[in-house]
Amino acid sequence: MLEVIKIDNYSVGVRIDKWIKNNLTKIPQSLIEKDLRNGKIKVNKHRVKSSYKLKKEDEIYLYNISYKNLSTQKKIFIPKDITIKETEKDIIENNSDFIVINKKAGLPVQGGTKVKENVVNILSNSNFFDQSKPYIVHRIDKDTSGILIIAKNRETAQLLTSLFRIRKIHKTYLALSYGQIDKKKDIIDNNLIRYEGRKKILERAITHYQEIDSSKNYTLFKLKPITGRKHQIRKHLVDLSCPIVGDKKYFLQKKFIKSQLMLHAYEIKFIINSKKYSFKADLPEYFKNFLVKNNFKQKDF
């Protein structure tokens, strides 16, 4: 028995193993790996590894597999009206092709197995997408606040995705870190490590950084990532011995204060059809308050 599934826009960029777990059934990673190796699961009739990231128009081929489709059993999560209205207030730009939103920290961009409330779900139920649906063209971490672009149609989504891929969209982040640094401005260019199962993978990562201000215990950074590796800024600042305040994943020492992650996607710039776009997202209140409390200068970064 052969079943062919054409992926939707929300699945673009998702690993094939995660897509199976999110859309078909919860099975052990080892079984997914085995079925991929044996050719029981293919993409566009070709064998792929579990790390393969789905692309637009991909088709997933299931050969003699009786994975139970759980999507029909999942309860549809409808966000509360107050949640929709509060999220709509965070929209910085709204036009016929895309919106720009200042995403709150703690809110995931997309849903998952254990995620109900997320940006895509909320906006899908908002008036801003009553004639279309949200198309994700990039992501920021759940615990990171700030600029997020969401397309309103497939053509704009494809264009923006291409611009991100060729590094024609320029992002600036603000991060408050522990410690101080000698070089006030420099480039971090090294290999970050990630794992696929037991396989160790090195990925080149480049970040421009600049110290904006500092105090006895903290440094406020402006950072411009050139590459887009997972948790790149968080890892790079750990490499500089300046871990971000509130980073519970890469810096867990108990002697430091408990806080939300002080990492904010502050600005984004790009050009479409010779028109320049530039957007900034205000720092969240908890970030501003922390800066004031620790005598940092308040200014336009």
Protein backbone atom coordinates (compact mmCIF):
# COMPACT_ATOMS: atom_id res chain seq x y z
CA MET A 1 0.00 0.00 0.00
CA LEU A 2 1.36 3.43 -0.97
CA GLU A 3 0.26 6.69 0.58
CA VAL A 4 1.51 10.02 -0.76
CA ILE A 5 1.25 13.16 1.37
CA LYS A 6 2.00 16.63 -0.03
CA ILE A 7 3.28 18.89 2.74
CA ASP A 8 1.71 22.25 3.54
CA ASN A 9 3.47 25.58 4.00
CA TYR A 10 3.66 25.17 7.77
CA SER A 11 5.89 22.12 7.30
CA VAL A 12 8.58 23.85 5.23
CA GLY A 13 11.90 23.69 7.09
CA VAL A 14 10.72 20.98 9.52
CA ARG A 15 12.85 17.85 9.85
CA ILE A 16 11.25 14.75 8.39
CA ASP A 17 11.47 12.85 11.69
CA LYS A 18 9.76 15.68 13.59
CA TRP A 19 7.11 15.95 10.87
CA ILE A 20 6.29 12.25 11.26
CA LYS A 21 5.95 12.58 15.03
CA ASN A 22 3.84 15.74 14.78
CA ASN A 23 1.57 14.66 11.93
CA LEU A 24 1.37 10.88 11.87
CA THR A 25 2.09 9.14 15.13
CA LYS A 26 4.32 9.10 18.17
CA ILE A 27 6.82 6.33 17.54
CA PRO A 28 10.41 5.79 18.73
CA GLN A 29 13.11 7.71 16.87
CA SER A 30 14.85 4.40 16.20
CA LEU A 31 11.84 3.10 14.25
CA ILE A 32 11.67 6.25 12.14
CA GLU A 33 15.39 5.90 11.39
CA LYS A 34 14.89 2.26 10.42
CA ASP A 35 11.95 2.99 8.11
CA LEU A 36 13.92 5.79 6.44
CA ARG A 37 16.93 3.50 5.92
CA ASN A 38 14.75 0.72 4.52
CA GLY A 39 13.00 3.07 2.11
CA LYS A 40 9.59 2.69 3.71
CA ILE A 41 9.51 6.46 4.06
CA LYS A 42 10.78 8.58 1.17
CA VAL A 43 10.60 12.19 0.06
CA ASN A 44 9.88 12.71 -3.63
CA LYS A 45 10.58 8.98 -4.12
CA HIS A 46 14.13 9.40 -2.77
CA ARG A 47 15.60 8.09 0.46
CA VAL A 48 16.51 10.80 2.96
CA LYS A 49 18.03 10.96 6.41
CA SER A 50 16.07 11.87 9.52
CA SER A 51 17.76 15.29 9.48
CA TYR A 52 16.31 16.16 6.05
CA LYS A 53 14.40 19.45 6.20
CA LEU A 54 11.22 19.54 4.17
CA LYS A 55 11.01 21.94 1.25
CA LYS A 56 8.07 23.57 -0.47
CA GLU A 57 6.16 21.15 -2.76
CA ASP A 58 7.82 18.07 -1.20
CA GLU A 59 5.80 14.86 -1.21
CA ILE A 60 6.20 12.20 1.45
CA TYR A 61 5.84 8.60 0.29
CA LEU A 62 4.80 5.96 2.82
CA TYR A 63 5.28 2.38 1.60
CA ASN A 64 3.26 -0.30 3.39
CA ILE A 65 3.21 1.65 6.63
CA SER A 66 0.16 1.70 8.85
CA TYR A 67 0.99 4.81 10.82
CA LYS A 68 -2.22 5.95 12.39
CA ASN A 69 -3.03 9.49 11.42
CA LEU A 70 -3.60 11.30 14.69
CA SER A 71 -4.48 14.65 13.13
CA THR A 72 -8.17 13.72 13.04
CA GLN A 73 -8.06 12.87 16.74
CA LYS A 74 -6.39 16.06 17.91
CA LYS A 75 -8.62 18.64 19.48
CA ILE A 76 -8.54 21.91 17.59
CA PHE A 77 -7.22 24.64 19.85
CA ILE A 78 -9.08 27.93 19.50
CA PRO A 79 -7.34 30.87 21.21
CA LYS A 80 -9.37 33.15 23.45
CA ASP A 81 -10.54 36.47 22.03
CA ILE A 82 -8.46 38.37 24.58
CA THR A 83 -5.34 36.46 23.47
CA ILE A 84 -6.04 37.31 19.83
CA LYS A 85 -6.59 40.99 20.61
CA GLU A 86 -3.46 41.23 22.77
CA THR A 87 -1.39 39.61 20.02
CA GLU A 88 -2.85 41.94 17.38
CA LYS A 89 -1.63 44.89 19.47
CA ASP A 90 1.91 43.64 18.92
CA ILE A 91 1.69 44.00 15.13
CA ILE A 92 4.14 46.67 13.92
CA GLU A 93 3.41 46.55 10.19
CA ASN A 94 0.41 45.30 8.24
CA ASN A 95 0.14 45.38 4.45
CA SER A 96 -1.32 43.22 1.70
CA ASP A 97 1.73 40.91 1.59
CA PHE A 98 3.00 40.48 5.14
CA ILE A 99 2.82 41.57 8.76
CA VAL A 100 5.64 42.29 11.17
CA ILE A 101 4.98 41.46 14.80
CA ASN A 102 6.86 42.03 18.05
CA LYS A 103 6.57 38.49 19.40
CA LYS A 104 6.29 38.06 23.14
CA ALA A 105 8.84 35.95 24.97
CA GLY A 106 7.47 32.52 25.89
CA LEU A 107 5.20 32.29 22.83
CA PRO A 108 6.25 29.67 20.24
CA VAL A 109 6.06 30.56 16.56
CA GLN A 110 4.44 27.26 15.58
CA GLY A 111 2.58 24.44 17.28
CA GLY A 112 3.93 21.01 18.10
CA THR A 113 3.07 17.86 19.96
CA LYS A 114 2.92 19.62 23.33
CA VAL A 115 2.28 23.16 22.08
CA LYS A 116 -1.21 24.63 21.81
CA GLU A 117 -0.94 28.40 21.94
CA ASN A 118 1.41 29.75 19.26
CA VAL A 119 1.75 32.70 16.88
CA VAL A 120 0.45 30.89 13.81
CA ASN A 121 -2.62 29.56 15.59
CA ILE A 122 -3.47 32.92 17.14
CA LEU A 123 -3.06 34.90 13.91
CA SER A 124 -5.01 32.31 11.92
CA ASN A 125 -8.00 33.33 14.05
CA SER A 126 -7.39 37.07 13.83
CA ASN A 127 -8.93 39.67 11.53
CA PHE A 128 -5.55 40.27 9.94
CA PHE A 129 -5.78 36.87 8.23
CA ASP A 130 -9.50 36.64 7.54
CA GLN A 131 -8.79 36.45 3.77
CA SER A 132 -5.57 34.44 3.94
CA LYS A 133 -3.46 32.26 6.21
CA PRO A 134 -0.11 32.91 7.93
CA TYR A 135 2.99 31.72 6.07
CA ILE A 136 6.07 31.32 8.25
CA VAL A 137 9.27 32.48 6.52
CA HIS A 138 11.65 32.42 9.50
CA ARG A 139 11.59 31.62 13.20
CA ILE A 140 12.84 32.94 16.51
CA ASP A 141 13.10 30.87 19.67
CA LYS A 142 10.14 30.56 22.00
CA ASP A 143 11.95 32.40 24.81
CA THR A 144 13.30 35.15 22.52
CA SER A 145 11.19 38.26 22.05
CA GLY A 146 11.05 40.58 19.07
CA ILE A 147 10.72 40.96 15.31
CA LEU A 148 8.97 38.24 13.33
CA ILE A 149 7.80 38.51 9.71
CA ILE A 150 4.77 36.47 8.59
CA ALA A 151 3.69 36.39 4.94
CA LYS A 152 0.06 36.58 3.81
CA ASN A 153 0.40 34.73 0.52
CA ARG A 154 2.51 32.00 -1.06
CA GLU A 155 4.34 34.33 -3.48
CA THR A 156 5.56 36.66 -0.72
CA ALA A 157 6.47 33.69 1.45
CA GLN A 158 8.64 32.25 -1.31
CA LEU A 159 10.31 35.62 -1.92
CA LEU A 160 11.07 36.28 1.74
CA THR A 161 12.29 32.71 2.25
CA SER A 162 14.69 33.19 -0.68
CA LEU A 163 15.94 36.49 0.74
CA PHE A 164 16.66 34.84 4.07
CA ARG A 165 18.46 31.99 2.33
CA ILE A 166 20.79 34.30 0.38
CA ARG A 167 21.33 36.51 3.44
CA LYS A 168 19.65 39.60 2.05
CA ILE A 169 17.56 40.09 5.18
CA HIS A 170 19.58 41.69 7.95
CA LYS A 171 18.67 41.17 11.60
CA THR A 172 19.93 42.90 14.72
CA TYR A 173 19.54 41.49 18.23
CA LEU A 174 20.03 42.98 21.67
CA ALA A 175 21.33 40.76 24.46
CA LEU A 176 22.11 41.44 28.10
CA SER A 177 24.87 39.17 29.33
CA TYR A 178 26.82 38.43 32.47
CA GLY A 179 30.44 39.54 32.56
CA GLN A 180 32.54 41.96 30.56
CA ILE A 181 34.65 41.79 27.43
CA ASP A 182 37.96 43.32 26.31
CA LYS A 183 37.18 43.74 22.62
CA LYS A 184 34.21 46.08 22.36
CA LYS A 185 33.56 45.19 18.72
CA ASP A 186 34.50 42.04 16.80
CA ILE A 187 33.37 39.09 14.70
CA ILE A 188 32.82 35.61 16.08
CA ASP A 189 33.54 33.04 13.37
CA ASN A 190 33.72 29.44 14.52
CA ASN A 191 32.10 26.04 14.28
CA LEU A 192 29.10 25.21 16.44
CA ILE A 193 28.44 21.62 17.39
CA ARG A 194 25.12 19.83 17.10
CA TYR A 195 24.18 16.16 17.10
CA GLU A 196 21.95 13.97 14.99
CA GLY A 197 21.60 10.94 17.19
CA ARG A 198 25.20 10.05 17.97
CA LYS A 199 26.59 11.83 14.93
CA LYS A 200 28.53 14.99 15.70
CA ILE A 201 28.05 17.80 13.16
CA LEU A 202 30.07 21.02 12.90
CA GLU A 203 28.40 24.09 11.39
CA ARG A 204 30.18 27.34 10.66
CA ALA A 205 28.55 30.29 12.43
CA ILE A 206 29.33 34.00 12.08
CA THR A 207 28.11 36.80 14.32
CA HIS A 208 29.12 40.48 14.43
CA TYR A 209 28.92 41.90 17.94
CA GLN A 210 29.33 45.31 19.54
CA GLU A 211 29.22 46.36 23.17
CA ILE A 212 26.63 49.09 23.68
CA ASP A 213 27.03 49.61 27.42
CA SER A 214 28.28 47.78 30.49
CA SER A 215 28.10 47.82 34.27
CA LYS A 216 29.95 46.01 37.01
CA ASN A 217 28.22 42.69 36.36
CA TYR A 218 26.60 42.94 32.93
CA THR A 219 27.21 43.86 29.29
CA LEU A 220 24.60 44.97 26.79
CA PHE A 221 25.38 43.70 23.28
CA LYS A 222 24.17 44.54 19.80
CA LEU A 223 24.56 41.45 17.59
CA LYS A 224 24.14 40.83 13.88
CA PRO A 225 24.12 37.14 12.92
CA ILE A 226 25.34 36.45 9.39
CA THR A 227 24.50 32.76 9.48
CA GLY A 228 21.33 31.35 11.01
CA ARG A 229 22.33 28.41 13.17
CA LYS A 230 20.10 27.19 15.97
CA HIS A 231 20.70 29.14 19.18
CA GLN A 232 23.67 30.78 17.46
CA ILE A 233 23.76 33.99 19.50
CA ARG A 234 23.25 32.18 22.78
CA LYS A 235 26.10 29.77 22.02
CA HIS A 236 28.42 32.49 20.72
CA LEU A 237 28.03 34.61 23.84
CA VAL A 238 28.77 31.57 25.99
CA ASP A 239 31.93 31.16 23.88
CA LEU A 240 32.85 34.76 24.85
CA SER A 241 32.28 33.89 28.54
CA CYS A 242 29.32 36.28 28.49
CA PRO A 243 26.24 34.03 28.80
CA ILE A 244 22.88 35.73 28.34
CA VAL A 245 20.92 36.57 31.47
CA GLY A 246 18.06 34.11 31.87
CA ASP A 247 19.52 31.44 29.57
CA LYS A 248 18.39 28.25 31.28
CA LYS A 249 19.69 26.00 28.51
CA TYR A 250 23.30 27.06 28.13
CA PHE A 251 23.99 28.61 31.54
CA LEU A 252 22.56 26.98 34.62
CA GLN A 253 24.69 28.21 37.53
CA LYS A 254 22.43 28.77 40.53
CA LYS A 255 24.35 31.74 41.92
CA PHE A 256 22.93 33.99 39.21
CA ILE A 257 19.49 35.56 39.29
CA LYS A 258 16.39 33.97 37.88
CA SER A 259 15.10 35.92 34.90
CA GLN A 260 13.45 35.69 31.53
CA LEU A 261 15.84 35.31 28.62
CA MET A 262 17.33 38.74 27.88
CA LEU A 263 17.57 38.25 24.11
CA HIS A 264 15.50 40.42 21.79
CA ALA A 265 15.21 40.52 17.98
CA TYR A 266 15.38 44.29 17.75
CA GLU A 267 15.56 45.27 14.09
CA ILE A 268 15.16 43.83 10.59
CA LYS A 269 16.01 45.34 7.19
CA PHE A 270 15.47 44.17 3.62
CA ILE A 271 14.66 45.35 0.10
CA ILE A 272 11.82 44.17 -2.16
CA ASN A 273 11.47 45.57 -5.67
CA SER A 274 13.83 48.45 -4.88
CA LYS A 275 11.75 49.43 -1.84
CA LYS A 276 13.62 49.51 1.46
CA TYR A 277 11.93 48.11 4.56
CA SER A 278 13.18 48.67 8.09
CA PHE A 279 11.35 47.73 11.30
CA LYS A 280 12.22 47.95 14.99
CA ALA A 281 10.58 46.20 17.92
CA ASP A 282 10.50 47.84 21.36
CA LEU A 283 12.14 45.98 24.20
CA PRO A 284 9.72 44.18 26.52
CA GLU A 285 9.05 45.88 29.84
CA TYR A 286 10.95 43.31 31.92
CA PHE A 287 14.04 43.96 29.75
CA LYS A 288 13.72 47.75 30.06
CA ASN A 289 13.18 47.53 33.82
CA PHE A 290 16.26 45.37 34.26
CA LEU A 291 18.36 47.91 32.35
CA VAL A 292 17.04 50.80 34.45
CA LYS A 293 17.62 48.90 37.68
CA ASN A 294 21.23 48.28 36.70
CA ASN A 295 21.91 51.87 35.53
CA PHE A 296 22.10 51.25 31.79
CA LYS A 297 21.55 54.19 29.45
CA GLN A 298 18.13 54.34 27.79
CA LYS A 299 18.46 55.19 24.11
CA ASP A 300 17.65 54.12 20.58
CA PHE A 301 20.02 51.31 19.82
